[in-house]
Amino acid sequence: MSHSTDIGQHPDIMQMRARYEAAAANPTAQLTDGLTLLAGIYLAVSPWIVGFRTLTDITVNNLITGILVALLALGYSSAYGRTYGLAWVAPVVGVWTIISPWVVSGPNNRPGVIISNVVVGAIILLLGLANMSTGMTAAKRHTPRFGTETHAHR
């Protein structure tokens, strides 16, 4: 007789997801998610907007990282309770976006490439940090303090 339980149905996990979903439903979190989506879309199409699509390495880099940021933003806005564990990825991608012109293309960059990547990278970094703080605030708000938890469920 085997007994298997689905960890996704555990009351603690369901309660934790509900807390994160409630935190993501506030207007500030929704604004952050929307701006992160726009920053990701801009990063993906920036080679064609700024006009450096002939530099293939940085073009491919921006396209892939921009799509990644946009997908992360969609995940945060639609299912933050399930994607909050990935909130650290956006700030890392923001830092990568800032340094990528030098790492990917070396010293042969146009000023537009550098300015575009540094500005959008800083925006992604800041929005990613704001998104991480949404999850941390939700976790802190609902964590019992030492000595205040109840033991009625024993």
N, C-alpha and C. Protein backbone atom coordinates (compact mmCIF):
# COMPACT_ATOMS: atom_id res chain seq x y z
N MET A 1 0.85 -1.16 0.00
CA MET A 1 0.00 0.00 0.00
C MET A 1 0.90 1.24 0.00
N SER A 2 0.90 1.93 -1.08
CA SER A 2 1.74 3.13 -1.15
C SER A 2 0.87 4.37 -1.00
N HIS A 3 1.42 5.30 -0.30
CA HIS A 3 0.70 6.55 -0.06
C HIS A 3 1.56 7.69 -0.59
N SER A 4 1.09 8.35 -1.61
CA SER A 4 1.84 9.49 -2.15
C SER A 4 1.00 10.75 -2.03
N THR A 5 1.67 11.78 -1.66
CA THR A 5 0.99 13.06 -1.54
C THR A 5 1.64 14.06 -2.47
N ASP A 6 0.83 14.92 -2.99
CA ASP A 6 1.33 15.98 -3.88
C ASP A 6 1.74 17.16 -3.02
N ILE A 7 3.03 17.48 -3.04
CA ILE A 7 3.55 18.57 -2.22
C ILE A 7 2.90 19.91 -2.61
N GLY A 8 2.47 20.03 -3.85
CA GLY A 8 1.81 21.25 -4.30
C GLY A 8 0.48 21.50 -3.62
N GLN A 9 -0.08 20.46 -3.02
CA GLN A 9 -1.36 20.59 -2.33
C GLN A 9 -1.19 20.76 -0.82
N HIS A 10 0.03 20.80 -0.36
CA HIS A 10 0.30 20.97 1.07
C HIS A 10 -0.23 22.33 1.51
N PRO A 11 -0.91 22.41 2.65
CA PRO A 11 -1.51 23.68 3.10
C PRO A 11 -0.51 24.82 3.24
N ASP A 12 0.70 24.52 3.72
CA ASP A 12 1.69 25.58 3.88
C ASP A 12 2.11 26.17 2.55
N ILE A 13 2.30 25.32 1.55
CA ILE A 13 2.70 25.80 0.22
C ILE A 13 1.56 26.59 -0.40
N MET A 14 0.35 26.10 -0.24
CA MET A 14 -0.79 26.82 -0.81
C MET A 14 -0.95 28.18 -0.14
N GLN A 15 -0.72 28.25 1.18
CA GLN A 15 -0.82 29.52 1.90
C GLN A 15 0.30 30.47 1.46
N MET A 16 1.50 29.95 1.28
CA MET A 16 2.62 30.77 0.84
C MET A 16 2.35 31.34 -0.56
N ARG A 17 1.85 30.51 -1.46
CA ARG A 17 1.53 30.99 -2.80
C ARG A 17 0.47 32.07 -2.76
N ALA A 18 -0.52 31.89 -1.89
CA ALA A 18 -1.58 32.89 -1.77
C ALA A 18 -1.01 34.22 -1.28
N ARG A 19 -0.04 34.19 -0.34
CA ARG A 19 0.59 35.43 0.14
C ARG A 19 1.32 36.13 -0.99
N TYR A 20 2.09 35.36 -1.77
CA TYR A 20 2.84 35.97 -2.86
C TYR A 20 1.91 36.51 -3.96
N GLU A 21 0.82 35.79 -4.21
CA GLU A 21 -0.15 36.28 -5.21
C GLU A 21 -0.79 37.58 -4.73
N ALA A 22 -1.09 37.66 -3.44
CA ALA A 22 -1.67 38.90 -2.90
C ALA A 22 -0.68 40.04 -2.99
N ALA A 23 0.60 39.76 -2.72
CA ALA A 23 1.63 40.81 -2.83
C ALA A 23 1.77 41.28 -4.27
N ALA A 24 1.68 40.34 -5.21
CA ALA A 24 1.83 40.69 -6.62
C ALA A 24 0.60 41.42 -7.17
N ALA A 25 -0.50 41.36 -6.46
CA ALA A 25 -1.72 42.01 -6.93
C ALA A 25 -1.78 43.49 -6.59
N ASN A 26 -0.83 43.99 -5.80
CA ASN A 26 -0.89 45.42 -5.47
C ASN A 26 -0.44 46.25 -6.67
N PRO A 27 -0.92 47.48 -6.77
CA PRO A 27 -0.64 48.31 -7.94
C PRO A 27 0.85 48.57 -8.19
N THR A 28 1.64 48.69 -7.14
CA THR A 28 3.07 48.92 -7.32
C THR A 28 3.73 47.72 -7.98
N ALA A 29 3.38 46.53 -7.53
CA ALA A 29 3.94 45.31 -8.14
C ALA A 29 3.50 45.18 -9.59
N GLN A 30 2.26 45.52 -9.88
CA GLN A 30 1.78 45.44 -11.25
C GLN A 30 2.50 46.45 -12.15
N LEU A 31 2.75 47.64 -11.63
CA LEU A 31 3.50 48.64 -12.39
C LEU A 31 4.93 48.15 -12.65
N THR A 32 5.55 47.59 -11.63
CA THR A 32 6.91 47.05 -11.77
C THR A 32 6.94 45.95 -12.82
N ASP A 33 5.96 45.05 -12.79
CA ASP A 33 5.90 43.97 -13.77
C ASP A 33 5.72 44.51 -15.19
N GLY A 34 4.85 45.49 -15.33
CA GLY A 34 4.61 46.07 -16.66
C GLY A 34 5.83 46.78 -17.21
N LEU A 35 6.51 47.53 -16.35
CA LEU A 35 7.73 48.22 -16.79
C LEU A 35 8.85 47.23 -17.10
N THR A 36 8.92 46.14 -16.35
CA THR A 36 9.91 45.10 -16.64
C THR A 36 9.62 44.46 -17.99
N LEU A 37 8.36 44.22 -18.28
CA LEU A 37 7.98 43.68 -19.60
C LEU A 37 8.40 44.63 -20.71
N LEU A 38 8.11 45.91 -20.54
CA LEU A 38 8.50 46.89 -21.56
C LEU A 38 10.01 46.99 -21.72
N ALA A 39 10.74 46.93 -20.61
CA ALA A 39 12.21 46.97 -20.68
C ALA A 39 12.74 45.75 -21.42
N GLY A 40 12.15 44.59 -21.16
CA GLY A 40 12.57 43.38 -21.86
C GLY A 40 12.29 43.45 -23.35
N ILE A 41 11.12 43.96 -23.70
CA ILE A 41 10.79 44.11 -25.13
C ILE A 41 11.73 45.10 -25.78
N TYR A 42 12.00 46.22 -25.11
CA TYR A 42 12.93 47.19 -25.68
C TYR A 42 14.31 46.56 -25.87
N LEU A 43 14.79 45.84 -24.87
CA LEU A 43 16.11 45.22 -24.99
C LEU A 43 16.16 44.27 -26.18
N ALA A 44 15.09 43.50 -26.37
CA ALA A 44 15.06 42.55 -27.49
C ALA A 44 15.09 43.23 -28.85
N VAL A 45 14.44 44.38 -28.96
CA VAL A 45 14.36 45.05 -30.27
C VAL A 45 15.33 46.22 -30.39
N SER A 46 16.10 46.48 -29.34
CA SER A 46 17.02 47.63 -29.35
C SER A 46 18.02 47.63 -30.51
N PRO A 47 18.50 46.48 -30.98
CA PRO A 47 19.42 46.55 -32.13
C PRO A 47 18.78 47.20 -33.35
N TRP A 48 17.49 47.02 -33.53
CA TRP A 48 16.82 47.61 -34.68
C TRP A 48 16.38 49.04 -34.40
N ILE A 49 16.14 49.38 -33.14
CA ILE A 49 15.76 50.75 -32.79
C ILE A 49 16.97 51.67 -32.81
N VAL A 50 18.04 51.23 -32.16
CA VAL A 50 19.24 52.05 -32.05
C VAL A 50 20.09 51.97 -33.32
N GLY A 51 19.96 50.86 -34.05
CA GLY A 51 20.66 50.73 -35.33
C GLY A 51 22.01 50.04 -35.24
N PHE A 52 22.13 49.04 -34.35
CA PHE A 52 23.38 48.30 -34.30
C PHE A 52 23.18 46.83 -34.65
N ARG A 53 22.19 46.55 -35.48
CA ARG A 53 21.89 45.17 -35.85
C ARG A 53 23.00 44.51 -36.66
N THR A 54 23.94 45.30 -37.20
CA THR A 54 25.04 44.71 -37.95
C THR A 54 26.10 44.10 -37.03
N LEU A 55 26.09 44.45 -35.76
CA LEU A 55 27.00 43.84 -34.79
C LEU A 55 26.32 42.57 -34.27
N THR A 56 26.52 41.46 -34.94
CA THR A 56 25.69 40.27 -34.72
C THR A 56 25.77 39.70 -33.30
N ASP A 57 26.93 39.70 -32.67
CA ASP A 57 27.02 39.10 -31.34
C ASP A 57 26.16 39.85 -30.32
N ILE A 58 26.27 41.16 -30.28
CA ILE A 58 25.49 41.93 -29.32
C ILE A 58 24.01 41.95 -29.71
N THR A 59 23.73 41.86 -30.99
CA THR A 59 22.33 41.79 -31.44
C THR A 59 21.67 40.52 -30.92
N VAL A 60 22.33 39.39 -31.09
CA VAL A 60 21.79 38.12 -30.61
C VAL A 60 21.69 38.13 -29.08
N ASN A 61 22.71 38.65 -28.42
CA ASN A 61 22.69 38.76 -26.96
C ASN A 61 21.48 39.57 -26.49
N ASN A 62 21.27 40.74 -27.06
CA ASN A 62 20.16 41.58 -26.62
C ASN A 62 18.81 40.94 -26.93
N LEU A 63 18.71 40.28 -28.06
CA LEU A 63 17.46 39.61 -28.43
C LEU A 63 17.13 38.52 -27.41
N ILE A 64 18.09 37.68 -27.09
CA ILE A 64 17.85 36.56 -26.17
C ILE A 64 17.58 37.07 -24.75
N THR A 65 18.41 37.98 -24.26
CA THR A 65 18.20 38.47 -22.89
C THR A 65 16.92 39.30 -22.78
N GLY A 66 16.58 40.03 -23.82
CA GLY A 66 15.33 40.79 -23.81
C GLY A 66 14.12 39.88 -23.75
N ILE A 67 14.14 38.81 -24.53
CA ILE A 67 13.04 37.84 -24.48
C ILE A 67 12.96 37.20 -23.11
N LEU A 68 14.12 36.88 -22.52
CA LEU A 68 14.15 36.30 -21.17
C LEU A 68 13.51 37.24 -20.15
N VAL A 69 13.87 38.50 -20.19
CA VAL A 69 13.30 39.48 -19.24
C VAL A 69 11.80 39.61 -19.46
N ALA A 70 11.37 39.66 -20.71
CA ALA A 70 9.94 39.78 -20.99
C ALA A 70 9.18 38.55 -20.48
N LEU A 71 9.74 37.37 -20.66
CA LEU A 71 9.09 36.16 -20.17
C LEU A 71 9.05 36.13 -18.64
N LEU A 72 10.13 36.57 -18.01
CA LEU A 72 10.12 36.67 -16.55
C LEU A 72 9.02 37.62 -16.07
N ALA A 73 8.90 38.76 -16.72
CA ALA A 73 7.87 39.73 -16.34
C ALA A 73 6.47 39.14 -16.51
N LEU A 74 6.27 38.40 -17.58
CA LEU A 74 4.97 37.76 -17.78
C LEU A 74 4.70 36.72 -16.69
N GLY A 75 5.74 35.99 -16.31
CA GLY A 75 5.59 35.02 -15.23
C GLY A 75 5.29 35.68 -13.91
N TYR A 76 5.99 36.78 -13.62
CA TYR A 76 5.73 37.50 -12.37
C TYR A 76 4.30 38.03 -12.33
N SER A 77 3.84 38.57 -13.44
CA SER A 77 2.51 39.19 -13.43
C SER A 77 1.39 38.17 -13.45
N SER A 78 1.61 37.01 -14.03
CA SER A 78 0.53 36.04 -14.13
C SER A 78 0.56 34.98 -13.05
N ALA A 79 1.73 34.66 -12.51
CA ALA A 79 1.81 33.59 -11.51
C ALA A 79 2.97 33.84 -10.56
N TYR A 80 2.97 34.96 -9.86
CA TYR A 80 4.09 35.29 -8.98
C TYR A 80 4.26 34.26 -7.87
N GLY A 81 3.16 33.67 -7.43
CA GLY A 81 3.23 32.65 -6.39
C GLY A 81 4.03 31.44 -6.81
N ARG A 82 4.13 31.22 -8.10
CA ARG A 82 4.90 30.09 -8.62
C ARG A 82 6.26 30.51 -9.16
N THR A 83 6.47 31.79 -9.43
CA THR A 83 7.72 32.24 -10.05
C THR A 83 8.56 33.13 -9.16
N TYR A 84 8.14 33.36 -7.91
CA TYR A 84 8.91 34.27 -7.05
C TYR A 84 10.33 33.77 -6.82
N GLY A 85 10.55 32.48 -6.92
CA GLY A 85 11.89 31.92 -6.74
C GLY A 85 12.86 32.34 -7.84
N LEU A 86 12.34 32.85 -8.94
CA LEU A 86 13.17 33.33 -10.05
C LEU A 86 13.35 34.83 -10.03
N ALA A 87 12.90 35.49 -8.99
CA ALA A 87 12.96 36.96 -8.94
C ALA A 87 14.40 37.47 -8.98
N TRP A 88 15.36 36.67 -8.57
CA TRP A 88 16.77 37.09 -8.57
C TRP A 88 17.36 37.14 -9.98
N VAL A 89 16.69 36.52 -10.95
CA VAL A 89 17.24 36.44 -12.31
C VAL A 89 17.26 37.81 -12.99
N ALA A 90 16.21 38.60 -12.84
CA ALA A 90 16.13 39.89 -13.52
C ALA A 90 17.26 40.84 -13.13
N PRO A 91 17.59 41.00 -11.85
CA PRO A 91 18.73 41.87 -11.52
C PRO A 91 20.05 41.35 -12.11
N VAL A 92 20.23 40.05 -12.15
CA VAL A 92 21.44 39.48 -12.75
C VAL A 92 21.49 39.79 -14.24
N VAL A 93 20.35 39.66 -14.92
CA VAL A 93 20.29 39.99 -16.34
C VAL A 93 20.53 41.48 -16.54
N GLY A 94 20.06 42.31 -15.62
CA GLY A 94 20.31 43.75 -15.70
C GLY A 94 21.80 44.07 -15.64
N VAL A 95 22.50 43.43 -14.71
CA VAL A 95 23.95 43.63 -14.62
C VAL A 95 24.63 43.12 -15.88
N TRP A 96 24.21 41.94 -16.37
CA TRP A 96 24.78 41.40 -17.61
C TRP A 96 24.56 42.37 -18.77
N THR A 97 23.37 42.95 -18.85
CA THR A 97 23.07 43.88 -19.94
C THR A 97 23.99 45.09 -19.89
N ILE A 98 24.31 45.56 -18.69
CA ILE A 98 25.21 46.71 -18.56
C ILE A 98 26.61 46.37 -19.05
N ILE A 99 27.12 45.21 -18.70
CA ILE A 99 28.51 44.88 -19.05
C ILE A 99 28.65 44.16 -20.39
N SER A 100 27.56 43.68 -20.95
CA SER A 100 27.64 42.87 -22.16
C SER A 100 28.27 43.55 -23.38
N PRO A 101 28.12 44.86 -23.58
CA PRO A 101 28.79 45.43 -24.75
C PRO A 101 30.30 45.21 -24.74
N TRP A 102 30.91 45.25 -23.57
CA TRP A 102 32.36 45.06 -23.49
C TRP A 102 32.72 43.57 -23.49
N VAL A 103 31.88 42.75 -22.85
CA VAL A 103 32.17 41.32 -22.77
C VAL A 103 31.92 40.65 -24.12
N VAL A 104 30.83 40.98 -24.77
CA VAL A 104 30.44 40.32 -26.02
C VAL A 104 31.18 40.90 -27.22
N SER A 105 31.24 42.21 -27.31
CA SER A 105 31.80 42.85 -28.51
C SER A 105 33.20 43.40 -28.32
N GLY A 106 33.67 43.45 -27.12
CA GLY A 106 35.00 44.02 -26.88
C GLY A 106 34.98 45.53 -27.02
N PRO A 107 36.11 46.11 -27.38
CA PRO A 107 36.19 47.58 -27.44
C PRO A 107 35.57 48.19 -28.70
N ASN A 108 35.09 47.37 -29.61
CA ASN A 108 34.55 47.87 -30.89
C ASN A 108 33.06 48.18 -30.80
N ASN A 109 32.68 49.03 -29.90
CA ASN A 109 31.27 49.38 -29.71
C ASN A 109 31.00 50.80 -30.18
N ARG A 110 29.81 50.97 -30.67
CA ARG A 110 29.33 52.32 -30.99
C ARG A 110 28.77 52.92 -29.71
N PRO A 111 28.80 54.23 -29.60
CA PRO A 111 28.25 54.87 -28.40
C PRO A 111 26.78 54.51 -28.16
N GLY A 112 26.01 54.35 -29.23
CA GLY A 112 24.60 54.00 -29.08
C GLY A 112 24.40 52.65 -28.42
N VAL A 113 25.27 51.70 -28.73
CA VAL A 113 25.19 50.37 -28.12
C VAL A 113 25.43 50.48 -26.62
N ILE A 114 26.47 51.20 -26.25
CA ILE A 114 26.83 51.32 -24.84
C ILE A 114 25.74 52.06 -24.06
N ILE A 115 25.31 53.19 -24.58
CA ILE A 115 24.29 53.99 -23.88
C ILE A 115 22.99 53.19 -23.73
N SER A 116 22.55 52.56 -24.81
CA SER A 116 21.32 51.80 -24.78
C SER A 116 21.40 50.66 -23.75
N ASN A 117 22.47 49.90 -23.80
CA ASN A 117 22.59 48.76 -22.89
C ASN A 117 22.76 49.19 -21.43
N VAL A 118 23.53 50.23 -21.19
CA VAL A 118 23.74 50.67 -19.81
C VAL A 118 22.43 51.21 -19.23
N VAL A 119 21.69 51.99 -19.99
CA VAL A 119 20.44 52.57 -19.48
C VAL A 119 19.40 51.48 -19.26
N VAL A 120 19.16 50.63 -20.24
CA VAL A 120 18.13 49.60 -20.08
C VAL A 120 18.58 48.55 -19.06
N GLY A 121 19.87 48.28 -18.98
CA GLY A 121 20.37 47.35 -17.97
C GLY A 121 20.15 47.88 -16.56
N ALA A 122 20.40 49.17 -16.35
CA ALA A 122 20.16 49.77 -15.04
C ALA A 122 18.67 49.74 -14.69
N ILE A 123 17.83 49.98 -15.68
CA ILE A 123 16.38 49.93 -15.44
C ILE A 123 15.95 48.52 -15.07
N ILE A 124 16.45 47.52 -15.79
CA ILE A 124 16.10 46.13 -15.49
C ILE A 124 16.62 45.74 -14.10
N LEU A 125 17.82 46.18 -13.77
CA LEU A 125 18.40 45.91 -12.45
C LEU A 125 17.51 46.49 -11.35
N LEU A 126 17.14 47.75 -11.48
CA LEU A 126 16.31 48.40 -10.45
C LEU A 126 14.92 47.78 -10.35
N LEU A 127 14.31 47.50 -11.51
CA LEU A 127 12.99 46.87 -11.49
C LEU A 127 13.06 45.46 -10.91
N GLY A 128 14.14 44.75 -11.23
CA GLY A 128 14.31 43.41 -10.67
C GLY A 128 14.47 43.44 -9.16
N LEU A 129 15.23 44.40 -8.66
CA LEU A 129 15.37 44.54 -7.21
C LEU A 129 14.04 44.91 -6.56
N ALA A 130 13.27 45.76 -7.22
CA ALA A 130 11.94 46.12 -6.70
C ALA A 130 11.04 44.89 -6.68
N ASN A 131 11.12 44.07 -7.70
CA ASN A 131 10.31 42.86 -7.76
C ASN A 131 10.73 41.88 -6.65
N MET A 132 12.02 41.76 -6.41
CA MET A 132 12.49 40.90 -5.32
C MET A 132 11.98 41.41 -3.97
N SER A 133 11.96 42.72 -3.78
CA SER A 133 11.51 43.27 -2.50
C SER A 133 10.03 43.02 -2.29
N THR A 134 9.26 42.92 -3.36
CA THR A 134 7.83 42.60 -3.23
C THR A 134 7.66 41.24 -2.57
N GLY A 135 8.43 40.27 -3.04
CA GLY A 135 8.35 38.93 -2.46
C GLY A 135 8.87 38.88 -1.04
N MET A 136 9.98 39.59 -0.78
CA MET A 136 10.55 39.58 0.57
C MET A 136 9.62 40.27 1.56
N THR A 137 8.97 41.34 1.11
CA THR A 137 8.02 42.06 1.98
C THR A 137 6.84 41.17 2.32
N ALA A 138 6.34 40.43 1.33
CA ALA A 138 5.22 39.53 1.58
C ALA A 138 5.61 38.43 2.55
N ALA A 139 6.82 37.91 2.42
CA ALA A 139 7.27 36.85 3.32
C ALA A 139 7.46 37.38 4.74
N LYS A 140 8.04 38.58 4.89
CA LYS A 140 8.25 39.16 6.21
C LYS A 140 6.93 39.49 6.90
N ARG A 141 5.99 39.98 6.12
CA ARG A 141 4.71 40.42 6.68
C ARG A 141 3.96 39.25 7.32
N HIS A 142 4.18 38.04 6.80
CA HIS A 142 3.40 36.90 7.26
C HIS A 142 4.23 35.87 8.03
N THR A 143 5.45 36.20 8.38
CA THR A 143 6.28 35.30 9.17
C THR A 143 6.05 35.59 10.64
N PRO A 144 5.71 34.55 11.41
CA PRO A 144 5.48 34.79 12.84
C PRO A 144 6.78 35.17 13.54
N ARG A 145 6.67 36.06 14.51
CA ARG A 145 7.83 36.46 15.29
C ARG A 145 8.10 35.40 16.35
N PHE A 146 9.33 35.35 16.81
CA PHE A 146 9.73 34.39 17.81
C PHE A 146 8.84 34.53 19.05
N GLY A 147 8.28 33.41 19.47
CA GLY A 147 7.47 33.42 20.68
C GLY A 147 6.01 33.78 20.44
N THR A 148 5.63 34.15 19.20
CA THR A 148 4.23 34.52 18.96
C THR A 148 3.47 33.47 18.19
N GLU A 149 4.15 32.43 17.72
CA GLU A 149 3.44 31.42 16.95
C GLU A 149 2.58 30.57 17.87
N THR A 150 1.54 30.01 17.32
CA THR A 150 0.66 29.17 18.11
C THR A 150 1.02 27.73 17.85
N HIS A 151 0.72 26.90 18.83
CA HIS A 151 1.01 25.48 18.71
C HIS A 151 -0.27 24.67 18.73
N ALA A 152 -1.37 25.27 18.31
CA ALA A 152 -2.66 24.61 18.34
C ALA A 152 -2.75 23.48 17.33
N HIS A 153 -1.92 23.50 16.31
CA HIS A 153 -2.02 22.50 15.26
C HIS A 153 -1.30 21.20 15.60
N ARG A 154 -0.71 21.10 16.77
CA ARG A 154 0.00 19.86 17.17
C ARG A 154 -0.92 18.73 17.42
